[in-house]
Amino acid sequence: MDLVRARLVVERPAFRLDLALNVAPGEVVALLGPNGAGKTTALRALAGLEPLAGGFIDLDGERLHLAEPAARPVGVVFQDYLLFPHLSTLENVAFGPRSRGVPKAEARRTAMTWLERVGLGDFAAAKPGQLSGGQAQRVALARALAVQPRLLLLDEPLAALDAHTRLEIRADLRRRLAAFDGACVLVTHDALDAMVLADRLVVIEHGAVVQEGPPAEVARRPRTDYVARLVGLNLYRGDADGHLVRLGPEVVLRAQEETTGPVFVAFRPSAVALYRARPNGTPRNLWEGRIDGMEPHGDSVRVHLDGPIAVAADITAAALADLDLTPGQTVWASVKATETHAYPA
């Protein structure tokens, strides 16, 4: 049975969020989407910080949206953590229970317990300005959990961290979320954070859900350009007849799967091979394009091509030098049928 059942309708000038959301006990759901999609608006609506124009929020079978924000069994970790700079770490964590009417001494005992659980018992007297980014994130999480929430809301919880700290804290956060028996909703724009932390992804664009499912399924079968870019795939829509997929008047690709009708076709940029001249033989998937731009991408160079279809290709720096590629050049691109995947649109 779902712990959270909600339909969030928020209306603003030129924007409308209409999101159905269910979360099971112990489940972490990540809300993903481009800037302005409605992710943070949804989180604020769940927290009671954004009024609903329609819909409902049920938590444990009770109408959460009818309760005042301060009375809701909800813990929130904001993107910038929002720790009180004039309070000690202990008093920051104790603030949650105190705001719920817990006596001062008991709230401090609860806060100390949570600081010890997140490995910061020795920092009880420290002020937020004396903490590292990772330590501040753990204090914010302890403060949210100290109120014993049934719903935990995380707004970009790792965004303020540097790359090295992010790696460590991401693993630590995953362990702590696995031990949380309530419902958790996470907002992020980072694909890796979502894949590591979440049990299920809900992708929002223009205030509506465009795709949802387990992380591996969403990554394997993206259904919008945004999701494809997020997981690093080239994505197209076409019409399939067996293994052949027509993407337009000039391009027919052969896919590994046999399908019929409207489909998506996806392949990795690293699966694309580039040639200065048309290659010998008869490659199954081959087309001509013009180099629109190039940029470093990890250990590779990402080459963007315009043509009958736009495509991103990842090649090594050595290959870039051997091919002597420059923007504006015309090249041939190919991708093996075994690397080209089709699935129903």
Protein backbone atom coordinates (compact mmCIF):
# COMPACT_ATOMS: atom_id res chain seq x y z
CA MET A 1 0.00 0.00 0.00
CA ASP A 2 1.31 3.48 -0.88
CA LEU A 3 2.27 5.71 2.03
CA VAL A 4 1.80 8.85 -0.09
CA ARG A 5 -0.94 9.34 -2.64
CA ALA A 6 -1.14 12.79 -4.16
CA ARG A 7 -2.33 14.83 -7.06
CA LEU A 8 -0.60 18.18 -7.05
CA VAL A 9 -2.22 20.97 -9.04
CA VAL A 10 -0.49 24.35 -8.81
CA GLU A 11 -1.41 27.24 -11.08
CA ARG A 12 0.59 30.37 -11.85
CA PRO A 13 0.53 32.82 -14.73
CA ALA A 14 1.76 30.94 -17.82
CA PHE A 15 2.47 27.75 -15.82
CA ARG A 16 0.42 24.83 -14.52
CA LEU A 17 1.67 21.83 -12.59
CA ASP A 18 -0.55 18.75 -12.63
CA LEU A 19 1.27 15.80 -11.11
CA ALA A 20 -0.02 12.47 -9.79
CA LEU A 21 2.45 10.97 -7.34
CA ASN A 22 2.44 7.78 -5.28
CA VAL A 23 5.26 6.70 -2.94
CA ALA A 24 5.46 3.40 -1.05
CA PRO A 25 6.93 2.98 2.45
CA GLY A 26 10.72 2.86 2.24
CA GLU A 27 10.70 4.03 -1.39
CA VAL A 28 12.81 6.90 -2.74
CA VAL A 29 11.24 8.66 -5.72
CA ALA A 30 13.33 11.18 -7.68
CA LEU A 31 11.67 14.03 -9.55
CA LEU A 32 13.74 14.91 -12.61
CA GLY A 33 13.23 17.55 -15.26
CA PRO A 34 14.71 20.64 -16.91
CA ASN A 35 14.70 24.04 -15.23
CA GLY A 36 11.16 25.36 -14.89
CA ALA A 37 9.57 21.92 -15.24
CA GLY A 38 7.88 22.09 -11.81
CA LYS A 39 10.11 19.85 -9.67
CA THR A 40 10.69 22.26 -6.79
CA THR A 41 7.11 23.51 -7.03
CA ALA A 42 5.94 19.93 -6.46
CA LEU A 43 8.26 19.54 -3.47
CA ARG A 44 7.08 22.82 -1.95
CA ALA A 45 3.46 21.75 -2.45
CA LEU A 46 4.13 18.51 -0.56
CA ALA A 47 5.74 20.52 2.25
CA GLY A 48 2.78 22.90 2.44
CA LEU A 49 4.86 25.87 1.25
CA GLU A 50 2.97 26.14 -2.04
CA PRO A 51 -0.86 26.26 -2.04
CA LEU A 52 -2.73 23.73 -4.14
CA ALA A 53 -5.16 25.00 -6.76
CA GLY A 54 -6.60 21.49 -6.89
CA GLY A 55 -5.91 17.89 -6.03
CA PHE A 56 -4.97 16.36 -2.68
CA ILE A 57 -2.13 14.92 -0.59
CA ASP A 58 -2.80 11.78 1.42
CA LEU A 59 -0.21 10.54 3.92
CA ASP A 60 -0.92 7.36 5.87
CA GLY A 61 -4.52 7.67 4.67
CA GLU A 62 -4.98 11.16 6.12
CA ARG A 63 -5.47 14.39 4.20
CA LEU A 64 -2.08 16.05 4.64
CA HIS A 65 -2.93 19.15 2.58
CA LEU A 66 -5.56 20.18 5.15
CA ALA A 67 -2.95 20.46 7.92
CA GLU A 68 -0.80 23.50 8.64
CA PRO A 69 2.80 23.08 7.36
CA ALA A 70 4.27 23.09 10.87
CA ALA A 71 1.93 20.28 11.92
CA ARG A 72 2.78 17.95 9.05
CA PRO A 73 4.99 14.89 9.74
CA VAL A 74 7.32 16.05 6.98
CA GLY A 75 11.08 16.63 7.05
CA VAL A 76 12.73 18.88 4.47
CA VAL A 77 16.36 19.25 3.41
CA PHE A 78 16.66 22.39 1.29
CA GLN A 79 19.23 22.86 -1.46
CA ASP A 80 21.25 25.38 0.58
CA TYR A 81 20.51 23.49 3.83
CA LEU A 82 19.27 26.72 5.51
CA LEU A 83 21.02 26.05 8.82
CA PHE A 84 20.67 28.85 11.36
CA PRO A 85 24.13 30.50 11.42
CA HIS A 86 23.78 31.81 14.99
CA LEU A 87 22.85 28.40 16.46
CA SER A 88 25.16 25.50 17.26
CA THR A 89 24.89 22.26 15.33
CA LEU A 90 23.06 20.73 18.30
CA GLU A 91 20.53 23.57 18.49
CA ASN A 92 19.99 23.45 14.72
CA VAL A 93 18.97 19.80 14.91
CA ALA A 94 16.95 20.39 18.09
CA PHE A 95 14.99 23.15 16.35
CA GLY A 96 12.71 20.67 14.59
CA PRO A 97 11.52 18.84 17.70
CA ARG A 98 11.31 22.16 19.61
CA SER A 99 9.03 23.58 16.90
CA ARG A 100 6.75 20.56 17.43
CA GLY A 101 6.40 21.33 21.14
CA VAL A 102 9.03 18.94 22.49
CA PRO A 103 10.60 20.22 25.74
CA LYS A 104 14.07 21.74 25.40
CA ALA A 105 16.02 19.04 27.24
CA GLU A 106 14.30 16.22 25.38
CA ALA A 107 14.80 17.99 22.03
CA ARG A 108 18.52 18.33 22.76
CA ARG A 109 18.79 14.63 23.66
CA THR A 110 17.07 13.74 20.40
CA ALA A 111 19.35 16.10 18.48
CA MET A 112 22.47 14.58 20.04
CA THR A 113 21.28 11.10 19.12
CA TRP A 114 20.88 12.14 15.49
CA LEU A 115 24.22 13.94 15.37
CA GLU A 116 25.88 10.75 16.58
CA ARG A 117 23.99 8.73 13.97
CA VAL A 118 25.35 10.91 11.18
CA GLY A 119 28.86 10.84 12.65
CA LEU A 120 28.93 14.41 13.96
CA GLY A 121 28.63 13.92 17.71
CA ASP A 122 31.94 15.72 18.23
CA PHE A 123 30.62 18.79 16.38
CA ALA A 124 27.62 19.48 18.62
CA ALA A 125 28.97 22.88 19.71
CA ALA A 126 30.16 23.97 16.26
CA LYS A 127 28.41 26.72 14.31
CA PRO A 128 27.41 26.08 10.65
CA GLY A 129 30.21 28.37 9.46
CA GLN A 130 32.74 25.98 10.97
CA LEU A 131 31.44 22.96 9.03
CA SER A 132 32.46 21.59 5.66
CA GLY A 133 29.83 21.24 2.93
CA GLY A 134 29.46 17.53 3.59
CA GLN A 135 29.09 18.07 7.33
CA ALA A 136 26.46 20.77 6.79
CA GLN A 137 24.51 18.41 4.54
CA ARG A 138 24.51 15.73 7.25
CA VAL A 139 23.37 18.25 9.87
CA ALA A 140 20.50 19.31 7.61
CA LEU A 141 19.53 15.66 7.13
CA ALA A 142 19.71 15.03 10.89
CA ARG A 143 17.47 18.07 11.50
CA ALA A 144 14.91 16.76 9.00
CA LEU A 145 14.92 13.26 10.50
CA ALA A 146 14.81 14.46 14.12
CA VAL A 147 11.09 15.23 13.78
CA GLN A 148 10.43 11.55 12.94
CA PRO A 149 8.85 12.36 9.58
CA ARG A 150 6.74 9.96 7.58
CA LEU A 151 7.62 11.94 4.45
CA LEU A 152 11.17 13.16 3.76
CA LEU A 153 11.69 15.81 1.06
CA LEU A 154 15.15 16.47 -0.39
CA ASP A 155 15.68 19.46 -2.69
CA GLU A 156 18.96 19.05 -4.64
CA PRO A 157 20.64 17.73 -1.46
CA LEU A 158 24.08 17.34 -3.07
CA ALA A 159 24.14 20.38 -5.37
CA ALA A 160 26.18 22.56 -2.99
CA LEU A 161 29.01 20.03 -2.68
CA ASP A 162 32.25 19.84 -4.65
CA ALA A 163 32.83 16.79 -6.86
CA HIS A 164 35.03 14.88 -4.37
CA THR A 165 32.74 15.48 -1.38
CA ARG A 166 29.69 14.70 -3.50
CA LEU A 167 31.00 11.20 -4.23
CA GLU A 168 31.43 10.41 -0.55
CA ILE A 169 28.20 12.01 0.66
CA ARG A 170 26.15 10.41 -2.13
CA ALA A 171 27.14 6.94 -0.91
CA ASP A 172 26.49 7.94 2.71
CA LEU A 173 23.08 9.40 1.86
CA ARG A 174 22.10 6.25 -0.01
CA ARG A 175 22.81 4.16 3.10
CA ARG A 176 20.77 6.48 5.30
CA LEU A 177 17.83 6.56 2.90
CA ALA A 178 17.87 2.76 2.75
CA ALA A 179 17.33 2.72 6.53
CA PHE A 180 14.43 5.22 6.37
CA ASP A 181 11.06 3.45 6.53
CA GLY A 182 8.97 6.44 5.47
CA ALA A 183 8.43 7.85 1.98
CA CYS A 184 11.11 9.99 0.38
CA VAL A 185 10.82 12.39 -2.56
CA LEU A 186 14.04 13.74 -4.02
CA VAL A 187 14.40 16.60 -6.50
CA THR A 188 17.55 16.61 -8.60
CA HIS A 189 18.82 17.57 -12.04
CA ASP A 190 21.80 15.22 -11.75
CA ALA A 191 21.36 11.87 -13.49
CA LEU A 192 23.94 10.09 -11.33
CA ASP A 193 22.35 11.30 -8.08
CA ALA A 194 18.99 10.04 -9.33
CA MET A 195 20.34 6.67 -10.49
CA VAL A 196 22.20 6.02 -7.22
CA LEU A 197 19.70 7.36 -4.70
CA ALA A 198 16.26 6.63 -6.17
CA ASP A 199 14.20 3.47 -6.52
CA ARG A 200 11.97 5.12 -9.12
CA LEU A 201 12.27 8.15 -11.38
CA VAL A 202 9.44 10.53 -12.29
CA VAL A 203 10.40 12.84 -15.14
CA ILE A 204 8.49 16.15 -15.40
CA GLU A 205 8.45 18.52 -18.35
CA HIS A 206 6.20 21.59 -18.61
CA GLY A 207 4.40 20.65 -15.39
CA ALA A 208 3.41 17.13 -16.43
CA VAL A 209 4.87 13.62 -16.17
CA VAL A 210 6.49 12.45 -19.41
CA GLN A 211 8.12 9.25 -18.16
CA GLU A 212 8.49 7.22 -14.99
CA GLY A 213 9.92 3.90 -13.94
CA PRO A 214 12.97 2.23 -12.38
CA PRO A 215 16.21 4.09 -13.12
CA ALA A 216 17.62 1.34 -15.34
CA GLU A 217 14.47 1.22 -17.46
CA VAL A 218 14.33 5.01 -17.90
CA ALA A 219 18.02 5.10 -18.83
CA ARG A 220 17.64 2.24 -21.28
CA ARG A 221 14.49 3.54 -22.96
CA PRO A 222 14.26 7.34 -22.80
CA ARG A 223 11.07 8.86 -24.20
CA THR A 224 12.02 12.55 -24.56
CA ASP A 225 15.05 14.48 -25.76
CA TYR A 226 15.63 15.75 -22.22
CA VAL A 227 15.85 12.23 -20.79
CA ALA A 228 18.05 11.09 -23.67
CA ARG A 229 20.49 13.94 -23.03
CA LEU A 230 20.37 13.23 -19.31
CA VAL A 231 21.45 9.62 -19.75
CA GLY A 232 23.75 10.36 -22.69
CA LEU A 233 21.93 8.81 -25.66
CA ASN A 234 21.04 9.89 -29.18
CA LEU A 235 17.25 9.57 -29.48
CA TYR A 236 14.91 9.72 -32.49
CA ARG A 237 11.32 8.88 -33.39
CA GLY A 238 10.49 6.90 -36.48
CA ASP A 239 8.31 4.22 -38.07
CA ALA A 240 9.47 0.61 -37.92
CA ASP A 241 8.91 -2.28 -40.26
CA GLY A 242 10.78 -5.26 -38.91
CA HIS A 243 14.38 -4.32 -38.21
CA LEU A 244 14.22 -1.20 -40.40
CA VAL A 245 13.23 2.18 -38.93
CA ARG A 246 12.57 5.17 -41.16
CA LEU A 247 13.51 8.43 -39.41
CA GLY A 248 12.78 10.66 -42.38
CA PRO A 249 12.96 10.79 -46.14
CA GLU A 250 16.76 10.38 -46.15
CA VAL A 251 17.55 8.08 -43.22
CA VAL A 252 16.56 4.47 -42.60
CA LEU A 253 18.34 2.72 -39.73
CA ARG A 254 18.58 -0.98 -39.06
CA ALA A 255 17.93 -1.77 -35.40
CA GLN A 256 18.73 -4.80 -33.31
CA GLU A 257 15.07 -5.29 -32.32
CA GLU A 258 12.26 -6.23 -34.69
CA THR A 259 9.27 -3.89 -34.24
CA THR A 260 6.36 -2.40 -36.14
CA GLY A 261 4.80 1.07 -36.12
CA PRO A 262 5.87 4.23 -34.25
CA VAL A 263 9.07 3.68 -32.27
CA PHE A 264 11.91 5.41 -30.50
CA VAL A 265 15.45 4.64 -31.67
CA ALA A 266 18.40 5.19 -29.34
CA PHE A 267 22.14 4.61 -29.45
CA ARG A 268 25.16 5.80 -27.49
CA PRO A 269 27.43 8.56 -28.83
CA SER A 270 30.37 6.19 -28.31
CA ALA A 271 28.75 3.77 -30.78
CA VAL A 272 29.03 6.31 -33.62
CA ALA A 273 32.03 6.00 -35.95
CA LEU A 274 33.17 8.95 -38.09
CA TYR A 275 34.92 8.90 -41.47
CA ARG A 276 36.38 11.65 -43.68
CA ALA A 277 35.30 9.73 -46.81
CA ARG A 278 32.52 7.26 -47.41
CA PRO A 279 33.76 3.95 -45.95
CA ASN A 280 34.26 0.89 -48.10
CA GLY A 281 31.74 -1.91 -47.91
CA THR A 282 28.08 -1.46 -47.09
CA PRO A 283 27.61 -0.39 -43.44
CA ARG A 284 23.97 -0.86 -42.42
CA ASN A 285 23.56 2.56 -40.86
CA LEU A 286 25.42 5.28 -42.70
CA TRP A 287 24.72 8.96 -43.41
CA GLU A 288 26.54 12.17 -44.20
CA GLY A 289 26.62 15.19 -41.90
CA ARG A 290 28.39 18.46 -41.18
CA ILE A 291 30.39 19.08 -38.00
CA ASP A 292 28.49 21.68 -35.99
CA GLY A 293 30.81 21.77 -32.99
CA MET A 294 33.20 19.85 -30.74
CA GLU A 295 33.81 19.78 -26.99
CA PRO A 296 35.73 17.75 -24.39
CA HIS A 297 33.58 15.04 -22.84
CA GLY A 298 35.32 13.07 -20.10
CA ASP A 299 38.23 11.22 -21.71
CA SER A 300 36.70 11.69 -25.17
CA VAL A 301 35.78 14.48 -27.57
CA ARG A 302 32.09 14.91 -28.35
CA VAL A 303 31.46 15.84 -31.98
CA HIS A 304 28.06 17.30 -32.89
CA LEU A 305 26.82 16.69 -36.42
CA ASP A 306 24.03 18.35 -38.39
CA GLY A 307 22.48 16.60 -41.35
CA PRO A 308 19.47 14.46 -42.13
CA ILE A 309 19.58 13.64 -38.40
CA ALA A 310 21.50 15.50 -35.69
CA VAL A 311 23.85 13.21 -33.80
CA ALA A 312 26.46 13.32 -31.04
CA ALA A 313 29.54 11.13 -31.53
CA ASP A 314 32.21 10.46 -28.90
CA ILE A 315 35.69 9.80 -30.29
CA THR A 316 39.15 9.73 -28.77
CA ALA A 317 41.52 12.68 -28.98
CA ALA A 318 43.81 10.49 -31.09
CA ALA A 319 40.99 9.80 -33.55
CA LEU A 320 40.22 13.51 -33.70
CA ALA A 321 43.84 14.22 -34.63
CA ASP A 322 44.04 11.37 -37.16
CA LEU A 323 40.84 12.52 -38.89
CA ASP A 324 41.93 16.18 -38.67
CA LEU A 325 38.35 17.26 -37.93
CA THR A 326 37.28 20.89 -37.75
CA PRO A 327 33.87 22.59 -37.45
CA GLY A 328 32.10 22.94 -40.78
CA GLN A 329 33.61 19.83 -42.34
CA THR A 330 31.42 17.19 -43.96
CA VAL A 331 31.96 13.65 -42.64
CA TRP A 332 30.30 10.26 -42.77
CA ALA A 333 28.76 8.72 -39.65
CA SER A 334 27.79 5.13 -39.02
CA VAL A 335 26.51 3.02 -36.16
CA LYS A 336 26.21 -0.75 -36.01
CA ALA A 337 22.75 -2.30 -36.00
CA THR A 338 23.70 -4.21 -32.84
CA GLU A 339 24.19 -0.84 -31.07
CA THR A 340 20.92 0.64 -32.38
CA HIS A 341 17.89 -0.09 -30.20
CA ALA A 342 14.22 0.40 -31.10
CA TYR A 343 11.22 0.29 -28.75
CA PRO A 344 7.55 1.30 -29.01
CA ALA A 345 6.83 5.04 -28.88
